[in-house]
Amino acid sequence: MANTKSALKRASIAERNRLRNKTYKSAVKTLMKKYLTVVETYAANPTPELKQEVELRLAEAYSKIDKAVKRGILHPNNGARKKSRLAHKLKPVATAQ
């Protein structure tokens, strides 16, 4: 347990930052899952409407990942890896059409 006033303050700041980082990481995971489900439905039934939905979900996920990297929540290589994995999920489906 923290004994000094400054240590108590640092502990409370660390907890506040941890919760903020947790919300960003959770949002990134949620957007990635939404994107992957849309890609699966697009692979099963490719339509122009679903293609637009895929592009929209990809842009949302990329944006949230970039913001998390900018704020220091994700390491830049981690963000790049996540974006690469998202792009690789779409590539075989897009080339098949």
C-alpha atoms as a PDB file:
ATOM      1  CA  MET A   1       0.000   0.000   0.000  1.00  0.00           C
ATOM      2  CA  ALA A   2       1.200   3.507  -0.762  1.00  0.00           C
ATOM      3  CA  ASN A   3       2.455   5.394   2.290  1.00  0.00           C
ATOM      4  CA  THR A   4       3.137   8.910   1.065  1.00  0.00           C
ATOM      5  CA  LYS A   5       0.754  11.476  -0.305  1.00  0.00           C
ATOM      6  CA  SER A   6       2.490  11.503  -3.698  1.00  0.00           C
ATOM      7  CA  ALA A   7       2.425   7.697  -3.909  1.00  0.00           C
ATOM      8  CA  LEU A   8      -1.311   7.698  -3.191  1.00  0.00           C
ATOM      9  CA  LYS A   9      -1.837  10.248  -5.942  1.00  0.00           C
ATOM     10  CA  ARG A  10       0.238   8.221  -8.419  1.00  0.00           C
ATOM     11  CA  ALA A  11      -1.770   5.093  -7.557  1.00  0.00           C
ATOM     12  CA  SER A  12      -5.050   6.857  -8.231  1.00  0.00           C
ATOM     13  CA  ILE A  13      -3.731   8.305 -11.516  1.00  0.00           C
ATOM     14  CA  ALA A  14      -2.507   4.856 -12.583  1.00  0.00           C
ATOM     15  CA  GLU A  15      -5.941   3.385 -11.891  1.00  0.00           C
ATOM     16  CA  ARG A  16      -7.652   6.156 -13.873  1.00  0.00           C
ATOM     17  CA  ASN A  17      -5.315   5.588 -16.822  1.00  0.00           C
ATOM     18  CA  ARG A  18      -5.770   1.816 -16.635  1.00  0.00           C
ATOM     19  CA  LEU A  19      -9.539   2.167 -16.948  1.00  0.00           C
ATOM     20  CA  ARG A  20      -9.189   4.582 -19.868  1.00  0.00           C
ATOM     21  CA  ASN A  21      -6.790   2.235 -21.654  1.00  0.00           C
ATOM     22  CA  LYS A  22      -9.119  -0.680 -21.007  1.00  0.00           C
ATOM     23  CA  THR A  23     -12.001   1.070 -22.779  1.00  0.00           C
ATOM     24  CA  TYR A  24      -9.841   1.764 -25.839  1.00  0.00           C
ATOM     25  CA  LYS A  25      -8.576  -1.815 -26.036  1.00  0.00           C
ATOM     26  CA  SER A  26     -12.103  -3.139 -25.633  1.00  0.00           C
ATOM     27  CA  ALA A  27     -13.396  -0.849 -28.389  1.00  0.00           C
ATOM     28  CA  VAL A  28     -10.622  -2.013 -30.731  1.00  0.00           C
ATOM     29  CA  LYS A  29     -11.504  -5.655 -30.098  1.00  0.00           C
ATOM     30  CA  THR A  30     -15.213  -4.993 -30.614  1.00  0.00           C
ATOM     31  CA  LEU A  31     -14.670  -3.204 -33.923  1.00  0.00           C
ATOM     32  CA  MET A  32     -12.361  -5.972 -35.114  1.00  0.00           C
ATOM     33  CA  LYS A  33     -14.979  -8.624 -34.311  1.00  0.00           C
ATOM     34  CA  LYS A  34     -17.708  -6.651 -36.085  1.00  0.00           C
ATOM     35  CA  TYR A  35     -15.470  -6.321 -39.140  1.00  0.00           C
ATOM     36  CA  LEU A  36     -14.671 -10.040 -39.199  1.00  0.00           C
ATOM     37  CA  THR A  37     -18.345 -11.020 -39.024  1.00  0.00           C
ATOM     38  CA  VAL A  38     -19.187  -8.679 -41.909  1.00  0.00           C
ATOM     39  CA  VAL A  39     -16.315 -10.134 -43.972  1.00  0.00           C
ATOM     40  CA  GLU A  40     -17.661 -13.648 -43.374  1.00  0.00           C
ATOM     41  CA  THR A  41     -21.142 -12.681 -44.517  1.00  0.00           C
ATOM     42  CA  TYR A  42     -19.666 -10.886 -47.525  1.00  0.00           C
ATOM     43  CA  ALA A  43     -17.665 -13.997 -48.434  1.00  0.00           C
ATOM     44  CA  ALA A  44     -20.823 -16.107 -48.304  1.00  0.00           C
ATOM     45  CA  ASN A  45     -22.961 -13.655 -50.304  1.00  0.00           C
ATOM     46  CA  PRO A  46     -21.013 -10.880 -52.073  1.00  0.00           C
ATOM     47  CA  THR A  47     -23.225  -7.892 -52.812  1.00  0.00           C
ATOM     48  CA  PRO A  48     -22.362  -4.232 -53.383  1.00  0.00           C
ATOM     49  CA  GLU A  49     -24.154  -3.255 -50.165  1.00  0.00           C
ATOM     50  CA  LEU A  50     -22.108  -5.707 -48.121  1.00  0.00           C
ATOM     51  CA  LYS A  51     -18.920  -4.491 -49.798  1.00  0.00           C
ATOM     52  CA  GLN A  52     -19.695  -0.960 -48.637  1.00  0.00           C
ATOM     53  CA  GLU A  53     -20.399  -2.287 -45.149  1.00  0.00           C
ATOM     54  CA  VAL A  54     -17.046  -4.106 -45.133  1.00  0.00           C
ATOM     55  CA  GLU A  55     -15.212  -0.942 -46.180  1.00  0.00           C
ATOM     56  CA  LEU A  56     -17.027   1.087 -43.532  1.00  0.00           C
ATOM     57  CA  ARG A  57     -16.200  -1.401 -40.757  1.00  0.00           C
ATOM     58  CA  LEU A  58     -12.572  -1.553 -41.897  1.00  0.00           C
ATOM     59  CA  ALA A  59     -12.275   2.232 -41.793  1.00  0.00           C
ATOM     60  CA  GLU A  60     -13.795   2.333 -38.291  1.00  0.00           C
ATOM     61  CA  ALA A  61     -11.414  -0.332 -37.009  1.00  0.00           C
ATOM     62  CA  TYR A  62      -8.376   1.333 -38.607  1.00  0.00           C
ATOM     63  CA  SER A  63      -9.353   4.671 -37.117  1.00  0.00           C
ATOM     64  CA  LYS A  64      -9.750   3.291 -33.595  1.00  0.00           C
ATOM     65  CA  ILE A  65      -6.458   1.380 -33.838  1.00  0.00           C
ATOM     66  CA  ASP A  66      -4.637   4.494 -35.053  1.00  0.00           C
ATOM     67  CA  LYS A  67      -6.084   6.567 -32.206  1.00  0.00           C
ATOM     68  CA  ALA A  68      -5.029   3.961 -29.652  1.00  0.00           C
ATOM     69  CA  VAL A  69      -1.490   3.977 -31.067  1.00  0.00           C
ATOM     70  CA  LYS A  70      -1.397   7.780 -31.070  1.00  0.00           C
ATOM     71  CA  ARG A  71      -2.419   7.901 -27.413  1.00  0.00           C
ATOM     72  CA  GLY A  72       0.157   5.288 -26.420  1.00  0.00           C
ATOM     73  CA  ILE A  73      -2.349   2.601 -25.490  1.00  0.00           C
ATOM     74  CA  LEU A  74      -1.090   0.213 -28.169  1.00  0.00           C
ATOM     75  CA  HIS A  75       2.490  -0.151 -29.332  1.00  0.00           C
ATOM     76  CA  PRO A  76       2.915   0.975 -32.960  1.00  0.00           C
ATOM     77  CA  ASN A  77       3.959  -2.520 -34.077  1.00  0.00           C
ATOM     78  CA  ASN A  78       0.931  -4.003 -32.308  1.00  0.00           C
ATOM     79  CA  GLY A  79      -1.363  -1.585 -34.130  1.00  0.00           C
ATOM     80  CA  ALA A  80       0.290  -2.333 -37.468  1.00  0.00           C
ATOM     81  CA  ARG A  81      -0.076  -6.065 -36.864  1.00  0.00           C
ATOM     82  CA  LYS A  82      -3.784  -5.715 -36.063  1.00  0.00           C
ATOM     83  CA  LYS A  83      -4.381  -3.645 -39.210  1.00  0.00           C
ATOM     84  CA  SER A  84      -2.449  -6.146 -41.306  1.00  0.00           C
ATOM     85  CA  ARG A  85      -4.497  -9.055 -39.989  1.00  0.00           C
ATOM     86  CA  LEU A  86      -7.713  -7.228 -40.823  1.00  0.00           C
ATOM     87  CA  ALA A  87      -6.535  -6.558 -44.376  1.00  0.00           C
ATOM     88  CA  HIS A  88      -5.470 -10.184 -44.858  1.00  0.00           C
ATOM     89  CA  LYS A  89      -8.954 -11.415 -43.949  1.00  0.00           C
ATOM     90  CA  LEU A  90     -10.460  -9.445 -46.831  1.00  0.00           C
ATOM     91  CA  LYS A  91      -7.823 -10.149 -49.478  1.00  0.00           C
ATOM     92  CA  PRO A  92      -8.854 -13.717 -50.468  1.00  0.00           C
ATOM     93  CA  VAL A  93     -12.516 -12.694 -50.595  1.00  0.00           C
ATOM     94  CA  ALA A  94     -11.826  -9.617 -52.730  1.00  0.00           C
ATOM     95  CA  THR A  95      -9.664 -11.496 -55.224  1.00  0.00           C
ATOM     96  CA  ALA A  96     -12.325 -14.207 -55.641  1.00  0.00           C
ATOM     97  CA  GLN A  97     -14.865 -11.632 -56.901  1.00  0.00           C
END
